[in-house]
N, C-alpha and C. Protein backbone atom coordinates (compact mmCIF):
# COMPACT_ATOMS: atom_id res chain seq x y z
N MET A 1 -26.74 -11.18 -10.70
CA MET A 1 -25.42 -11.07 -10.12
C MET A 1 -24.43 -11.85 -10.97
N ASN A 2 -23.27 -11.26 -11.21
CA ASN A 2 -22.21 -11.89 -11.99
C ASN A 2 -21.29 -12.65 -11.03
N LYS A 3 -21.37 -13.97 -11.04
CA LYS A 3 -20.61 -14.79 -10.10
C LYS A 3 -19.10 -14.61 -10.26
N GLU A 4 -18.62 -14.52 -11.51
CA GLU A 4 -17.17 -14.34 -11.73
C GLU A 4 -16.68 -13.03 -11.14
N LEU A 5 -17.41 -11.94 -11.36
CA LEU A 5 -17.03 -10.66 -10.77
C LEU A 5 -17.07 -10.71 -9.26
N SER A 6 -18.09 -11.36 -8.72
CA SER A 6 -18.21 -11.48 -7.27
C SER A 6 -17.03 -12.25 -6.68
N LEU A 7 -16.63 -13.34 -7.32
CA LEU A 7 -15.49 -14.12 -6.83
C LEU A 7 -14.19 -13.32 -6.91
N LEU A 8 -14.01 -12.58 -8.00
CA LEU A 8 -12.83 -11.74 -8.18
C LEU A 8 -12.78 -10.66 -7.09
N SER A 9 -13.92 -10.06 -6.82
CA SER A 9 -14.00 -9.00 -5.81
C SER A 9 -13.73 -9.54 -4.41
N GLU A 10 -14.30 -10.68 -4.12
CA GLU A 10 -14.08 -11.29 -2.81
C GLU A 10 -12.61 -11.68 -2.63
N LYS A 11 -11.98 -12.14 -3.69
CA LYS A 11 -10.56 -12.50 -3.63
C LYS A 11 -9.71 -11.28 -3.26
N ALA A 12 -10.02 -10.12 -3.84
CA ALA A 12 -9.27 -8.90 -3.53
C ALA A 12 -9.48 -8.48 -2.08
N ALA A 13 -10.73 -8.50 -1.63
CA ALA A 13 -11.02 -8.10 -0.25
C ALA A 13 -10.33 -9.04 0.73
N GLN A 14 -10.37 -10.34 0.46
CA GLN A 14 -9.73 -11.30 1.36
C GLN A 14 -8.21 -11.19 1.28
N GLY A 15 -7.68 -10.97 0.08
CA GLY A 15 -6.24 -10.84 -0.07
C GLY A 15 -5.66 -9.69 0.73
N GLN A 16 -6.33 -8.53 0.67
CA GLN A 16 -5.82 -7.39 1.43
C GLN A 16 -6.01 -7.62 2.93
N LEU A 17 -7.08 -8.31 3.33
CA LEU A 17 -7.28 -8.62 4.75
C LEU A 17 -6.19 -9.57 5.25
N ASP A 18 -5.85 -10.56 4.45
CA ASP A 18 -4.78 -11.48 4.83
C ASP A 18 -3.45 -10.73 4.95
N GLY A 19 -3.15 -9.85 4.00
CA GLY A 19 -1.93 -9.05 4.07
C GLY A 19 -1.91 -8.17 5.31
N TYR A 20 -3.05 -7.60 5.65
CA TYR A 20 -3.19 -6.76 6.85
C TYR A 20 -2.87 -7.59 8.10
N ASN A 21 -3.52 -8.74 8.22
CA ASN A 21 -3.33 -9.55 9.42
C ASN A 21 -1.93 -10.17 9.51
N ASN A 22 -1.29 -10.36 8.37
CA ASN A 22 0.09 -10.86 8.36
C ASN A 22 1.10 -9.73 8.49
N ARG A 23 0.59 -8.49 8.54
CA ARG A 23 1.44 -7.29 8.64
C ARG A 23 2.48 -7.26 7.52
N ASP A 24 2.02 -7.62 6.33
CA ASP A 24 2.88 -7.68 5.15
C ASP A 24 2.46 -6.56 4.20
N ILE A 25 3.21 -5.47 4.21
CA ILE A 25 2.82 -4.28 3.46
C ILE A 25 2.72 -4.55 1.96
N GLU A 26 3.61 -5.34 1.41
CA GLU A 26 3.58 -5.62 -0.02
C GLU A 26 2.36 -6.47 -0.39
N GLU A 27 2.10 -7.50 0.41
CA GLU A 27 0.93 -8.35 0.17
C GLU A 27 -0.35 -7.54 0.32
N PHE A 28 -0.40 -6.69 1.32
CA PHE A 28 -1.57 -5.84 1.56
C PHE A 28 -1.82 -4.90 0.38
N LEU A 29 -0.79 -4.18 -0.04
CA LEU A 29 -0.95 -3.15 -1.07
C LEU A 29 -1.14 -3.71 -2.47
N LYS A 30 -0.72 -4.94 -2.73
CA LYS A 30 -0.82 -5.47 -4.09
C LYS A 30 -2.26 -5.59 -4.56
N TRP A 31 -3.22 -5.57 -3.64
CA TRP A 31 -4.63 -5.71 -3.98
C TRP A 31 -5.30 -4.37 -4.31
N TYR A 32 -4.55 -3.27 -4.23
CA TYR A 32 -5.09 -1.94 -4.48
C TYR A 32 -4.58 -1.39 -5.80
N SER A 33 -5.45 -0.67 -6.52
CA SER A 33 -5.00 0.01 -7.73
C SER A 33 -4.07 1.16 -7.34
N ASP A 34 -3.22 1.58 -8.25
CA ASP A 34 -2.26 2.65 -7.96
C ASP A 34 -2.96 3.93 -7.52
N ASP A 35 -4.13 4.21 -8.09
CA ASP A 35 -4.83 5.46 -7.77
C ASP A 35 -6.08 5.23 -6.91
N VAL A 36 -6.00 4.25 -6.02
CA VAL A 36 -7.12 3.93 -5.12
C VAL A 36 -7.51 5.17 -4.31
N LYS A 37 -8.78 5.29 -4.03
CA LYS A 37 -9.30 6.38 -3.19
C LYS A 37 -9.87 5.75 -1.91
N ILE A 38 -9.45 6.29 -0.77
CA ILE A 38 -9.91 5.79 0.53
C ILE A 38 -10.66 6.93 1.22
N TYR A 39 -11.93 6.68 1.54
CA TYR A 39 -12.79 7.71 2.12
C TYR A 39 -13.23 7.32 3.53
N ASP A 40 -13.37 8.33 4.38
CA ASP A 40 -14.00 8.19 5.68
C ASP A 40 -15.44 8.66 5.53
N LEU A 41 -16.39 7.76 5.56
CA LEU A 41 -17.80 8.12 5.36
C LEU A 41 -18.34 8.96 6.51
N ASP A 42 -17.76 8.82 7.71
CA ASP A 42 -18.26 9.57 8.86
C ASP A 42 -17.93 11.05 8.78
N THR A 43 -16.79 11.37 8.16
CA THR A 43 -16.38 12.78 8.05
C THR A 43 -16.49 13.31 6.62
N GLY A 44 -16.62 12.40 5.66
CA GLY A 44 -16.64 12.80 4.27
C GLY A 44 -15.25 13.06 3.70
N GLU A 45 -14.23 12.81 4.49
CA GLU A 45 -12.85 13.10 4.11
C GLU A 45 -12.27 12.04 3.17
N LEU A 46 -11.55 12.50 2.16
CA LEU A 46 -10.72 11.62 1.33
C LEU A 46 -9.42 11.43 2.10
N ARG A 47 -9.19 10.23 2.61
CA ARG A 47 -8.02 9.99 3.46
C ARG A 47 -6.76 9.74 2.64
N TYR A 48 -6.89 8.99 1.54
CA TYR A 48 -5.75 8.67 0.69
C TYR A 48 -6.22 8.69 -0.75
N ASP A 49 -5.33 9.13 -1.65
CA ASP A 49 -5.69 9.20 -3.06
C ASP A 49 -4.77 8.37 -3.94
N SER A 50 -4.01 7.49 -3.30
CA SER A 50 -3.16 6.57 -4.06
C SER A 50 -2.64 5.47 -3.13
N LYS A 51 -2.19 4.40 -3.74
CA LYS A 51 -1.59 3.30 -2.99
C LYS A 51 -0.34 3.77 -2.26
N GLU A 52 0.46 4.59 -2.92
CA GLU A 52 1.70 5.06 -2.29
C GLU A 52 1.43 6.00 -1.13
N ALA A 53 0.31 6.72 -1.15
CA ALA A 53 -0.06 7.57 -0.01
C ALA A 53 -0.44 6.71 1.20
N MET A 54 -0.93 5.50 0.96
CA MET A 54 -1.30 4.58 2.04
C MET A 54 -0.07 3.96 2.70
N ARG A 55 0.98 3.77 1.92
CA ARG A 55 2.13 2.98 2.35
C ARG A 55 2.72 3.42 3.70
N PRO A 56 3.07 4.70 3.92
CA PRO A 56 3.71 5.06 5.19
C PRO A 56 2.83 4.78 6.41
N ARG A 57 1.55 5.08 6.30
CA ARG A 57 0.64 4.89 7.43
C ARG A 57 0.49 3.42 7.77
N TYR A 58 0.30 2.59 6.77
CA TYR A 58 0.10 1.15 7.02
C TYR A 58 1.41 0.46 7.40
N ALA A 59 2.53 0.90 6.84
CA ALA A 59 3.82 0.33 7.24
C ALA A 59 4.04 0.57 8.73
N LYS A 60 3.71 1.75 9.21
CA LYS A 60 3.83 2.07 10.63
C LYS A 60 2.85 1.23 11.45
N LEU A 61 1.61 1.14 10.99
CA LEU A 61 0.58 0.35 11.67
C LEU A 61 0.99 -1.11 11.79
N PHE A 62 1.64 -1.65 10.76
CA PHE A 62 2.02 -3.05 10.75
C PHE A 62 3.16 -3.37 11.72
N GLU A 63 3.76 -2.36 12.32
CA GLU A 63 4.76 -2.58 13.36
C GLU A 63 4.11 -2.99 14.68
N ASN A 64 2.80 -2.83 14.77
CA ASN A 64 2.04 -3.09 15.99
C ASN A 64 1.79 -4.59 16.15
N GLU A 65 2.35 -5.19 17.19
CA GLU A 65 2.22 -6.63 17.40
C GLU A 65 0.79 -7.05 17.75
N TYR A 66 -0.04 -6.14 18.19
CA TYR A 66 -1.42 -6.47 18.59
C TYR A 66 -2.41 -6.36 17.44
N LEU A 67 -1.98 -5.82 16.33
CA LEU A 67 -2.88 -5.56 15.21
C LEU A 67 -3.57 -6.83 14.74
N ASP A 68 -4.90 -6.74 14.64
CA ASP A 68 -5.68 -7.88 14.16
C ASP A 68 -7.01 -7.36 13.65
N CYS A 69 -7.44 -7.89 12.51
CA CYS A 69 -8.74 -7.55 11.97
C CYS A 69 -9.51 -8.85 11.75
N THR A 70 -10.62 -8.98 12.44
CA THR A 70 -11.46 -10.15 12.33
C THR A 70 -12.67 -9.82 11.47
N LEU A 71 -12.91 -10.64 10.48
CA LEU A 71 -14.07 -10.46 9.62
C LEU A 71 -15.30 -10.98 10.37
N VAL A 72 -16.27 -10.11 10.58
CA VAL A 72 -17.50 -10.47 11.28
C VAL A 72 -18.56 -10.91 10.29
N ASN A 73 -18.66 -10.19 9.18
CA ASN A 73 -19.68 -10.48 8.18
C ASN A 73 -19.21 -9.93 6.84
N ARG A 74 -19.55 -10.61 5.76
CA ARG A 74 -19.18 -10.15 4.42
C ARG A 74 -20.35 -10.35 3.47
N MET A 75 -20.60 -9.32 2.67
CA MET A 75 -21.58 -9.41 1.59
C MET A 75 -20.85 -9.05 0.30
N VAL A 76 -21.13 -9.80 -0.75
CA VAL A 76 -20.48 -9.57 -2.04
C VAL A 76 -21.55 -9.53 -3.13
N MET A 77 -21.48 -8.49 -3.95
CA MET A 77 -22.34 -8.43 -5.12
C MET A 77 -21.55 -7.77 -6.25
N ASN A 78 -21.24 -8.57 -7.25
CA ASN A 78 -20.48 -8.11 -8.40
C ASN A 78 -19.15 -7.50 -7.95
N ARG A 79 -18.97 -6.20 -8.16
CA ARG A 79 -17.69 -5.56 -7.85
C ARG A 79 -17.69 -4.85 -6.49
N THR A 80 -18.70 -5.11 -5.68
CA THR A 80 -18.80 -4.48 -4.37
C THR A 80 -18.73 -5.53 -3.27
N VAL A 81 -17.85 -5.27 -2.30
CA VAL A 81 -17.72 -6.13 -1.12
C VAL A 81 -17.95 -5.25 0.10
N ILE A 82 -18.83 -5.69 0.98
CA ILE A 82 -19.08 -4.97 2.22
C ILE A 82 -18.67 -5.88 3.37
N ASP A 83 -17.67 -5.42 4.12
CA ASP A 83 -17.16 -6.19 5.25
C ASP A 83 -17.49 -5.48 6.56
N GLN A 84 -17.99 -6.23 7.51
CA GLN A 84 -18.08 -5.76 8.89
C GLN A 84 -16.87 -6.35 9.58
N GLU A 85 -16.06 -5.49 10.18
CA GLU A 85 -14.79 -5.91 10.75
C GLU A 85 -14.68 -5.51 12.22
N SER A 86 -13.96 -6.31 12.97
CA SER A 86 -13.64 -6.01 14.36
C SER A 86 -12.12 -5.90 14.43
N VAL A 87 -11.63 -4.71 14.80
CA VAL A 87 -10.19 -4.43 14.73
C VAL A 87 -9.60 -4.26 16.13
N GLN A 88 -8.48 -4.93 16.34
CA GLN A 88 -7.71 -4.83 17.58
C GLN A 88 -6.45 -4.03 17.29
N VAL A 89 -6.17 -3.00 18.09
CA VAL A 89 -4.98 -2.20 17.85
C VAL A 89 -4.07 -2.08 19.07
N ASP A 90 -4.51 -2.61 20.20
CA ASP A 90 -3.64 -2.55 21.38
C ASP A 90 -3.79 -3.83 22.19
N GLY A 91 -3.12 -3.91 23.32
CA GLY A 91 -3.11 -5.12 24.12
C GLY A 91 -4.33 -5.31 25.01
N THR A 92 -5.30 -4.41 24.91
CA THR A 92 -6.51 -4.54 25.73
C THR A 92 -7.53 -5.41 24.99
N GLU A 93 -8.65 -5.63 25.63
CA GLU A 93 -9.72 -6.39 24.98
C GLU A 93 -10.61 -5.49 24.13
N LYS A 94 -10.36 -4.19 24.15
CA LYS A 94 -11.19 -3.25 23.39
C LYS A 94 -10.92 -3.42 21.89
N ARG A 95 -12.01 -3.51 21.13
CA ARG A 95 -11.93 -3.64 19.68
C ARG A 95 -12.78 -2.55 19.06
N SER A 96 -12.42 -2.13 17.86
CA SER A 96 -13.20 -1.16 17.11
C SER A 96 -14.01 -1.89 16.06
N GLU A 97 -15.24 -1.49 15.91
CA GLU A 97 -16.10 -2.06 14.88
C GLU A 97 -16.11 -1.12 13.68
N VAL A 98 -15.91 -1.68 12.50
CA VAL A 98 -15.80 -0.89 11.28
C VAL A 98 -16.55 -1.59 10.16
N ILE A 99 -17.15 -0.79 9.28
CA ILE A 99 -17.69 -1.32 8.03
C ILE A 99 -16.82 -0.77 6.91
N ALA A 100 -16.37 -1.65 6.04
CA ALA A 100 -15.57 -1.26 4.88
C ALA A 100 -16.32 -1.68 3.62
N ILE A 101 -16.45 -0.73 2.70
CA ILE A 101 -17.10 -1.00 1.42
C ILE A 101 -16.02 -0.90 0.35
N TYR A 102 -15.73 -2.02 -0.29
CA TYR A 102 -14.68 -2.09 -1.30
C TYR A 102 -15.30 -2.09 -2.69
N ASP A 103 -14.80 -1.22 -3.56
CA ASP A 103 -15.18 -1.22 -4.97
C ASP A 103 -14.01 -1.80 -5.74
N VAL A 104 -14.23 -2.92 -6.40
CA VAL A 104 -13.16 -3.65 -7.07
C VAL A 104 -13.32 -3.50 -8.58
N GLY A 105 -12.22 -3.18 -9.25
CA GLY A 105 -12.23 -3.06 -10.70
C GLY A 105 -12.29 -4.41 -11.38
N GLU A 106 -12.58 -4.40 -12.66
CA GLU A 106 -12.63 -5.65 -13.41
C GLU A 106 -11.28 -6.35 -13.48
N ASN A 107 -10.21 -5.61 -13.16
CA ASN A 107 -8.86 -6.18 -13.12
C ASN A 107 -8.57 -6.88 -11.79
N GLY A 108 -9.54 -6.86 -10.86
CA GLY A 108 -9.35 -7.53 -9.58
C GLY A 108 -8.65 -6.71 -8.53
N LEU A 109 -8.43 -5.42 -8.79
CA LEU A 109 -7.79 -4.53 -7.81
C LEU A 109 -8.82 -3.61 -7.20
N ILE A 110 -8.63 -3.28 -5.93
CA ILE A 110 -9.54 -2.39 -5.22
C ILE A 110 -9.31 -0.97 -5.70
N GLU A 111 -10.37 -0.33 -6.18
CA GLU A 111 -10.30 1.03 -6.71
C GLU A 111 -10.72 2.09 -5.71
N ALA A 112 -11.58 1.72 -4.77
CA ALA A 112 -12.04 2.65 -3.75
C ALA A 112 -12.48 1.87 -2.52
N VAL A 113 -12.31 2.53 -1.36
CA VAL A 113 -12.78 1.97 -0.10
C VAL A 113 -13.45 3.10 0.67
N ARG A 114 -14.59 2.77 1.26
CA ARG A 114 -15.29 3.72 2.12
C ARG A 114 -15.46 3.05 3.48
N PHE A 115 -14.93 3.72 4.52
CA PHE A 115 -14.99 3.19 5.88
C PHE A 115 -16.00 3.99 6.71
N THR A 116 -16.69 3.29 7.60
CA THR A 116 -17.54 3.96 8.58
C THR A 116 -17.52 3.18 9.88
N ARG A 117 -17.63 3.89 10.96
CA ARG A 117 -17.78 3.27 12.28
C ARG A 117 -19.25 3.26 12.67
N GLY A 118 -20.10 3.72 11.76
CA GLY A 118 -21.54 3.75 12.00
C GLY A 118 -21.92 5.02 12.73
N LYS A 119 -22.73 5.78 12.11
CA LYS A 119 -23.16 7.03 12.74
C LYS A 119 -24.18 6.74 13.82
N ALA A 120 -23.96 7.32 14.99
CA ALA A 120 -24.87 7.09 16.12
C ALA A 120 -26.01 8.08 16.08
């Protein structure tokens, strides 16, 4: 395992998580490459094919005062970060559990993300 790559990758994953929780669209997006690919592993769908395609959806999401993502578990190996996350999107106690797999480039920017809610 390359410790420097692992630290760089973890920094990107944490940076975007901090931007998400602070509802700061610029801080959130700065950790993604311009041509990032975002996939839904449960449907196989490519959800976004660029940072700018993400912007409107996340800008709208960040208007939500209840938005919160809690990191439950993180594994890092070289340029791959796997986060288990618990996400709050409304004023109830209900949270969504998500796994996010981040592929980070050698430049420290996230190049791809694959999300799953876990197939039952």
